[in-house]
């Protein structure tokens, strides 16, 4: 099973392309006090990713995806762009350290994904989260809601009643992006209805943020 590429990292690749010419992606980040890097390794971050989702979808083995899910380095994420060297510099401006990606689903039906990005500072995580959410909303043509009901402060929500067929989203979908300390958490769900997708996102976000340190 290979989930639609735009759901995985399409928005991130778009964001990197738009910011590639910027001198810095995080205004004032150089003067921010670095947060304690917890967890200290990608392996420790993996232990904090939710092990399952409320919908009961089966987990997709990391190796069954192309590129594989699981641990993501700066080089891995930059590699999704046309100019990896330039995009790596953009990510480094945010203070990107590493990430972890996990999927649940079966065939072309319902799908849930979680992608946690860890940064050197809270400012970097917050700036990355906001920029990624706004660029994804523009790419999918939806209306982004800041601080929506049923999600913690600092989260954003996008729903697509009819999906986005040209991007490979065949069914109703919901997306959420949340900044949490030095972490940026992105959750996506594709389901039989937009309400079911939104309910899945709400529940997964709550469970995932509960597992992360406040940093």
C-alpha atoms as a PDB file:
ATOM      1  CA  UNK A   1       0.000   0.000   0.000  1.00  0.00           C
ATOM      2  CA  UNK A   2       1.324   3.434  -0.919  1.00  0.00           C
ATOM      3  CA  UNK A   3      -0.748   6.333   0.476  1.00  0.00           C
ATOM      4  CA  UNK A   4      -1.255   9.384  -1.756  1.00  0.00           C
ATOM      5  CA  UNK A   5       1.986  11.346  -1.811  1.00  0.00           C
ATOM      6  CA  UNK A   6       0.330  14.760  -1.213  1.00  0.00           C
ATOM      7  CA  UNK A   7      -1.142  13.430   2.044  1.00  0.00           C
ATOM      8  CA  UNK A   8       2.292  12.349   3.192  1.00  0.00           C
ATOM      9  CA  UNK A   9       4.556  15.242   2.403  1.00  0.00           C
ATOM     10  CA  UNK A  10       3.060  17.223  -0.448  1.00  0.00           C
ATOM     11  CA  UNK A  11       2.362  20.219   1.731  1.00  0.00           C
ATOM     12  CA  UNK A  12       5.800  20.047   3.287  1.00  0.00           C
ATOM     13  CA  UNK A  13       7.472  19.947  -0.114  1.00  0.00           C
ATOM     14  CA  UNK A  14       5.374  22.925  -1.222  1.00  0.00           C
ATOM     15  CA  UNK A  15       6.295  24.823   1.918  1.00  0.00           C
ATOM     16  CA  UNK A  16       9.994  24.190   1.400  1.00  0.00           C
ATOM     17  CA  UNK A  17       9.771  25.365  -2.179  1.00  0.00           C
ATOM     18  CA  UNK A  18       8.056  28.590  -1.182  1.00  0.00           C
ATOM     19  CA  UNK A  19      10.565  29.351   1.559  1.00  0.00           C
ATOM     20  CA  UNK A  20      13.702  28.293  -0.265  1.00  0.00           C
ATOM     21  CA  UNK A  21      14.600  31.850  -1.185  1.00  0.00           C
ATOM     22  CA  UNK A  22      14.128  33.250   2.320  1.00  0.00           C
ATOM     23  CA  UNK A  23      17.122  34.270   4.388  1.00  0.00           C
ATOM     24  CA  UNK A  24      15.595  32.595   7.417  1.00  0.00           C
ATOM     25  CA  UNK A  25      12.366  30.721   8.089  1.00  0.00           C
ATOM     26  CA  UNK A  26      12.114  31.740  11.747  1.00  0.00           C
ATOM     27  CA  UNK A  27      12.437  35.411  12.558  1.00  0.00           C
ATOM     28  CA  UNK A  28      14.505  35.868  15.690  1.00  0.00           C
ATOM     29  CA  UNK A  29      15.169  32.164  16.178  1.00  0.00           C
ATOM     30  CA  UNK A  30      18.881  32.784  16.693  1.00  0.00           C
ATOM     31  CA  UNK A  31      18.152  34.631  19.923  1.00  0.00           C
ATOM     32  CA  UNK A  32      15.652  32.103  21.285  1.00  0.00           C
ATOM     33  CA  UNK A  33      16.705  30.008  24.250  1.00  0.00           C
ATOM     34  CA  UNK A  34      17.120  26.423  23.017  1.00  0.00           C
ATOM     35  CA  UNK A  35      14.681  24.010  24.574  1.00  0.00           C
ATOM     36  CA  UNK A  36      15.963  20.884  26.275  1.00  0.00           C
ATOM     37  CA  UNK A  37      16.040  18.320  23.449  1.00  0.00           C
ATOM     38  CA  UNK A  38      13.668  15.685  24.795  1.00  0.00           C
ATOM     39  CA  UNK A  39      13.639  13.028  23.521  1.00  0.00           C
ATOM     40  CA  UNK A  40      17.347  13.065  22.759  1.00  0.00           C
ATOM     41  CA  UNK A  41      17.329  10.591  19.844  1.00  0.00           C
ATOM     42  CA  UNK A  42      14.988   9.572  17.018  1.00  0.00           C
ATOM     43  CA  UNK A  43      14.591   6.190  18.686  1.00  0.00           C
ATOM     44  CA  UNK A  44      13.338   7.872  21.840  1.00  0.00           C
ATOM     45  CA  UNK A  45      10.896   9.902  19.746  1.00  0.00           C
ATOM     46  CA  UNK A  46       9.550   6.689  18.211  1.00  0.00           C
ATOM     47  CA  UNK A  47       8.577   5.466  21.671  1.00  0.00           C
ATOM     48  CA  UNK A  48       6.285   8.485  22.054  1.00  0.00           C
ATOM     49  CA  UNK A  49       4.300   7.993  18.830  1.00  0.00           C
ATOM     50  CA  UNK A  50       0.786   6.645  19.421  1.00  0.00           C
ATOM     51  CA  UNK A  51       0.783   2.849  18.939  1.00  0.00           C
ATOM     52  CA  UNK A  52      -2.758   2.693  17.549  1.00  0.00           C
ATOM     53  CA  UNK A  53      -5.727   4.798  16.451  1.00  0.00           C
ATOM     54  CA  UNK A  54      -9.376   4.869  17.649  1.00  0.00           C
ATOM     55  CA  UNK A  55     -10.715   3.733  14.269  1.00  0.00           C
ATOM     56  CA  UNK A  56      -8.959   0.403  14.760  1.00  0.00           C
ATOM     57  CA  UNK A  57      -7.229   0.572  11.376  1.00  0.00           C
ATOM     58  CA  UNK A  58      -4.268  -1.805  11.054  1.00  0.00           C
ATOM     59  CA  UNK A  59      -0.823  -0.285  11.206  1.00  0.00           C
ATOM     60  CA  UNK A  60       1.039  -0.137   7.906  1.00  0.00           C
ATOM     61  CA  UNK A  61       4.612  -1.460   8.293  1.00  0.00           C
ATOM     62  CA  UNK A  62       7.081   1.364   7.715  1.00  0.00           C
ATOM     63  CA  UNK A  63       8.912  -0.623   5.037  1.00  0.00           C
ATOM     64  CA  UNK A  64       5.711  -1.098   3.009  1.00  0.00           C
ATOM     65  CA  UNK A  65       5.637   2.604   2.154  1.00  0.00           C
ATOM     66  CA  UNK A  66       7.724   4.299  -0.491  1.00  0.00           C
ATOM     67  CA  UNK A  67       9.727   6.114   0.761  1.00  0.00           C
ATOM     68  CA  UNK A  68       9.549   4.152   4.028  1.00  0.00           C
ATOM     69  CA  UNK A  69       7.839   5.717   7.028  1.00  0.00           C
ATOM     70  CA  UNK A  70       9.501   5.730  10.451  1.00  0.00           C
ATOM     71  CA  UNK A  71      12.550   7.823  11.302  1.00  0.00           C
ATOM     72  CA  UNK A  72      13.039  11.025   9.313  1.00  0.00           C
ATOM     73  CA  UNK A  73      16.260  13.022   9.297  1.00  0.00           C
ATOM     74  CA  UNK A  74      16.752  16.484   7.844  1.00  0.00           C
ATOM     75  CA  UNK A  75      18.232  14.787   4.790  1.00  0.00           C
ATOM     76  CA  UNK A  76      15.187  12.522   4.425  1.00  0.00           C
ATOM     77  CA  UNK A  77      12.696  15.385   4.564  1.00  0.00           C
ATOM     78  CA  UNK A  78      14.768  17.619   2.289  1.00  0.00           C
ATOM     79  CA  UNK A  79      14.996  14.740  -0.171  1.00  0.00           C
ATOM     80  CA  UNK A  80      11.319  15.136  -1.058  1.00  0.00           C
ATOM     81  CA  UNK A  81      12.095  18.475  -2.724  1.00  0.00           C
ATOM     82  CA  UNK A  82      13.572  19.161  -6.153  1.00  0.00           C
ATOM     83  CA  UNK A  83      16.667  20.795  -4.641  1.00  0.00           C
ATOM     84  CA  UNK A  84      17.546  18.827  -1.471  1.00  0.00           C
ATOM     85  CA  UNK A  85      20.568  20.950  -0.550  1.00  0.00           C
ATOM     86  CA  UNK A  86      18.587  24.170  -0.627  1.00  0.00           C
ATOM     87  CA  UNK A  87      15.657  22.629   1.222  1.00  0.00           C
ATOM     88  CA  UNK A  88      17.939  21.266   3.909  1.00  0.00           C
ATOM     89  CA  UNK A  89      19.069  24.834   4.578  1.00  0.00           C
ATOM     90  CA  UNK A  90      15.418  25.888   4.950  1.00  0.00           C
ATOM     91  CA  UNK A  91      14.757  23.128   7.475  1.00  0.00           C
ATOM     92  CA  UNK A  92      17.891  24.041   9.387  1.00  0.00           C
ATOM     93  CA  UNK A  93      16.606  27.623   9.626  1.00  0.00           C
ATOM     94  CA  UNK A  94      13.602  26.214  11.482  1.00  0.00           C
ATOM     95  CA  UNK A  95      15.946  24.260  13.744  1.00  0.00           C
ATOM     96  CA  UNK A  96      14.695  20.895  12.467  1.00  0.00           C
ATOM     97  CA  UNK A  97      16.250  17.958  14.343  1.00  0.00           C
ATOM     98  CA  UNK A  98      14.384  14.809  13.279  1.00  0.00           C
ATOM     99  CA  UNK A  99      10.927  13.329  12.934  1.00  0.00           C
ATOM    100  CA  UNK A 100       8.891  10.134  12.991  1.00  0.00           C
ATOM    101  CA  UNK A 101       6.084   9.110  10.647  1.00  0.00           C
ATOM    102  CA  UNK A 102       3.488   6.357  11.143  1.00  0.00           C
ATOM    103  CA  UNK A 103       0.501   5.121   9.088  1.00  0.00           C
ATOM    104  CA  UNK A 104      -2.612   3.038   9.612  1.00  0.00           C
ATOM    105  CA  UNK A 105      -4.889   1.819   6.824  1.00  0.00           C
ATOM    106  CA  UNK A 106      -5.608  -0.857   4.269  1.00  0.00           C
ATOM    107  CA  UNK A 107      -5.683  -0.605   0.495  1.00  0.00           C
ATOM    108  CA  UNK A 108      -7.249   2.564  -0.877  1.00  0.00           C
ATOM    109  CA  UNK A 109      -9.801   2.927   1.937  1.00  0.00           C
ATOM    110  CA  UNK A 110      -9.644   4.845   5.221  1.00  0.00           C
ATOM    111  CA  UNK A 111      -6.234   6.107   6.268  1.00  0.00           C
ATOM    112  CA  UNK A 112      -4.757   7.772   9.352  1.00  0.00           C
ATOM    113  CA  UNK A 113      -1.257   9.187   9.631  1.00  0.00           C
ATOM    114  CA  UNK A 114       0.812  10.864  12.331  1.00  0.00           C
ATOM    115  CA  UNK A 115       3.986  12.822  11.655  1.00  0.00           C
ATOM    116  CA  UNK A 116       5.931  14.292  14.584  1.00  0.00           C
ATOM    117  CA  UNK A 117       8.700  16.793  13.866  1.00  0.00           C
ATOM    118  CA  UNK A 118      11.125  17.811  16.621  1.00  0.00           C
ATOM    119  CA  UNK A 119      12.933  21.163  16.637  1.00  0.00           C
ATOM    120  CA  UNK A 120      15.672  22.864  18.608  1.00  0.00           C
ATOM    121  CA  UNK A 121      13.342  25.594  19.884  1.00  0.00           C
ATOM    122  CA  UNK A 122       9.671  26.247  20.562  1.00  0.00           C
ATOM    123  CA  UNK A 123       9.803  29.167  18.116  1.00  0.00           C
ATOM    124  CA  UNK A 124      11.011  26.888  15.347  1.00  0.00           C
ATOM    125  CA  UNK A 125       8.268  24.341  15.994  1.00  0.00           C
ATOM    126  CA  UNK A 126       5.566  27.022  16.112  1.00  0.00           C
ATOM    127  CA  UNK A 127       6.736  28.763  12.932  1.00  0.00           C
ATOM    128  CA  UNK A 128       7.045  25.496  11.014  1.00  0.00           C
ATOM    129  CA  UNK A 129       3.582  24.364  12.155  1.00  0.00           C
ATOM    130  CA  UNK A 130       1.886  27.591  11.127  1.00  0.00           C
ATOM    131  CA  UNK A 131       3.632  27.781   7.755  1.00  0.00           C
ATOM    132  CA  UNK A 132       2.961  24.135   6.933  1.00  0.00           C
ATOM    133  CA  UNK A 133      -0.727  24.400   7.860  1.00  0.00           C
ATOM    134  CA  UNK A 134      -1.320  27.544   5.822  1.00  0.00           C
ATOM    135  CA  UNK A 135       0.465  26.201   2.764  1.00  0.00           C
ATOM    136  CA  UNK A 136      -1.394  22.880   2.932  1.00  0.00           C
ATOM    137  CA  UNK A 137      -4.699  24.755   3.158  1.00  0.00           C
ATOM    138  CA  UNK A 138      -3.773  26.756   0.074  1.00  0.00           C
ATOM    139  CA  UNK A 139      -2.701  23.628  -1.792  1.00  0.00           C
ATOM    140  CA  UNK A 140      -5.938  21.769  -1.026  1.00  0.00           C
ATOM    141  CA  UNK A 141      -8.201  24.783  -1.457  1.00  0.00           C
ATOM    142  CA  UNK A 142      -9.769  24.510   1.991  1.00  0.00           C
ATOM    143  CA  UNK A 143     -10.521  26.978   4.773  1.00  0.00           C
ATOM    144  CA  UNK A 144      -8.063  26.691   7.652  1.00  0.00           C
ATOM    145  CA  UNK A 145      -9.493  27.082  11.152  1.00  0.00           C
ATOM    146  CA  UNK A 146      -7.204  28.375  13.882  1.00  0.00           C
ATOM    147  CA  UNK A 147      -7.822  27.112  17.434  1.00  0.00           C
ATOM    148  CA  UNK A 148     -10.933  25.115  16.422  1.00  0.00           C
ATOM    149  CA  UNK A 149     -13.275  23.547  19.002  1.00  0.00           C
ATOM    150  CA  UNK A 150     -12.256  20.159  20.428  1.00  0.00           C
ATOM    151  CA  UNK A 151      -8.546  20.752  19.754  1.00  0.00           C
ATOM    152  CA  UNK A 152      -5.963  22.317  22.103  1.00  0.00           C
ATOM    153  CA  UNK A 153      -4.798  25.896  21.655  1.00  0.00           C
ATOM    154  CA  UNK A 154      -2.144  26.247  18.992  1.00  0.00           C
ATOM    155  CA  UNK A 155      -3.805  23.703  16.698  1.00  0.00           C
ATOM    156  CA  UNK A 156      -5.262  24.242  13.240  1.00  0.00           C
ATOM    157  CA  UNK A 157      -7.848  22.169  11.384  1.00  0.00           C
ATOM    158  CA  UNK A 158      -8.709  21.685   7.722  1.00  0.00           C
ATOM    159  CA  UNK A 159     -11.549  19.498   6.424  1.00  0.00           C
ATOM    160  CA  UNK A 160     -12.382  18.462   2.860  1.00  0.00           C
ATOM    161  CA  UNK A 161     -15.936  17.173   2.447  1.00  0.00           C
ATOM    162  CA  UNK A 162     -15.266  15.642  -0.959  1.00  0.00           C
ATOM    163  CA  UNK A 163     -11.573  14.919  -0.563  1.00  0.00           C
ATOM    164  CA  UNK A 164      -9.144  16.155  -3.207  1.00  0.00           C
ATOM    165  CA  UNK A 165      -9.141  13.628  -6.081  1.00  0.00           C
ATOM    166  CA  UNK A 166      -6.406  15.368  -8.061  1.00  0.00           C
ATOM    167  CA  UNK A 167      -4.081  14.839  -5.094  1.00  0.00           C
ATOM    168  CA  UNK A 168      -5.118  11.240  -4.546  1.00  0.00           C
ATOM    169  CA  UNK A 169      -7.558  11.955  -1.703  1.00  0.00           C
ATOM    170  CA  UNK A 170     -10.540   9.923  -2.842  1.00  0.00           C
ATOM    171  CA  UNK A 171     -12.688  10.432   0.263  1.00  0.00           C
ATOM    172  CA  UNK A 172     -13.565  12.973   2.941  1.00  0.00           C
ATOM    173  CA  UNK A 173     -10.491  14.060   4.891  1.00  0.00           C
ATOM    174  CA  UNK A 174      -9.436  16.023   7.944  1.00  0.00           C
ATOM    175  CA  UNK A 175      -6.019  17.460   8.749  1.00  0.00           C
ATOM    176  CA  UNK A 176      -4.662  18.958  11.949  1.00  0.00           C
ATOM    177  CA  UNK A 177      -1.375  20.683  12.740  1.00  0.00           C
ATOM    178  CA  UNK A 178      -0.409  21.415  16.346  1.00  0.00           C
ATOM    179  CA  UNK A 179       2.616  23.072  17.925  1.00  0.00           C
ATOM    180  CA  UNK A 180       3.494  21.527  21.290  1.00  0.00           C
ATOM    181  CA  UNK A 181       6.695  22.747  22.893  1.00  0.00           C
ATOM    182  CA  UNK A 182       9.556  21.824  20.557  1.00  0.00           C
ATOM    183  CA  UNK A 183       7.284  19.477  18.592  1.00  0.00           C
ATOM    184  CA  UNK A 184       5.108  19.928  15.529  1.00  0.00           C
ATOM    185  CA  UNK A 185       2.416  17.258  15.222  1.00  0.00           C
ATOM    186  CA  UNK A 186       0.538  16.639  11.966  1.00  0.00           C
ATOM    187  CA  UNK A 187      -2.411  14.219  11.894  1.00  0.00           C
ATOM    188  CA  UNK A 188      -4.369  13.272   8.778  1.00  0.00           C
ATOM    189  CA  UNK A 189      -7.439  11.051   8.479  1.00  0.00           C
ATOM    190  CA  UNK A 190      -9.376   9.900   5.417  1.00  0.00           C
ATOM    191  CA  UNK A 191     -12.706   8.226   6.231  1.00  0.00           C
ATOM    192  CA  UNK A 192     -16.209   7.518   4.985  1.00  0.00           C
ATOM    193  CA  UNK A 193     -17.471  10.938   6.064  1.00  0.00           C
ATOM    194  CA  UNK A 194     -15.894  14.236   7.032  1.00  0.00           C
ATOM    195  CA  UNK A 195     -17.341  13.829  10.542  1.00  0.00           C
ATOM    196  CA  UNK A 196     -15.703  10.429  10.941  1.00  0.00           C
ATOM    197  CA  UNK A 197     -12.391  11.821   9.684  1.00  0.00           C
ATOM    198  CA  UNK A 198     -12.639  14.811  12.024  1.00  0.00           C
ATOM    199  CA  UNK A 199     -13.509  12.629  15.018  1.00  0.00           C
ATOM    200  CA  UNK A 200     -10.485  10.451  14.270  1.00  0.00           C
ATOM    201  CA  UNK A 201      -8.205  13.481  14.057  1.00  0.00           C
ATOM    202  CA  UNK A 202      -9.538  14.930  17.326  1.00  0.00           C
ATOM    203  CA  UNK A 203      -8.964  11.660  19.181  1.00  0.00           C
ATOM    204  CA  UNK A 204      -5.521  10.990  17.720  1.00  0.00           C
ATOM    205  CA  UNK A 205      -4.311  14.538  18.406  1.00  0.00           C
ATOM    206  CA  UNK A 206      -5.435  14.314  22.039  1.00  0.00           C
ATOM    207  CA  UNK A 207      -3.728  10.957  22.518  1.00  0.00           C
ATOM    208  CA  UNK A 208      -0.535  12.056  20.778  1.00  0.00           C
ATOM    209  CA  UNK A 209      -0.113  15.338  22.644  1.00  0.00           C
ATOM    210  CA  UNK A 210      -0.696  13.512  25.918  1.00  0.00           C
ATOM    211  CA  UNK A 211       2.324  11.320  25.168  1.00  0.00           C
ATOM    212  CA  UNK A 212       4.710  14.205  24.440  1.00  0.00           C
ATOM    213  CA  UNK A 213       6.649  16.139  27.092  1.00  0.00           C
ATOM    214  CA  UNK A 214       5.743  19.836  27.341  1.00  0.00           C
ATOM    215  CA  UNK A 215       9.378  20.750  26.553  1.00  0.00           C
END
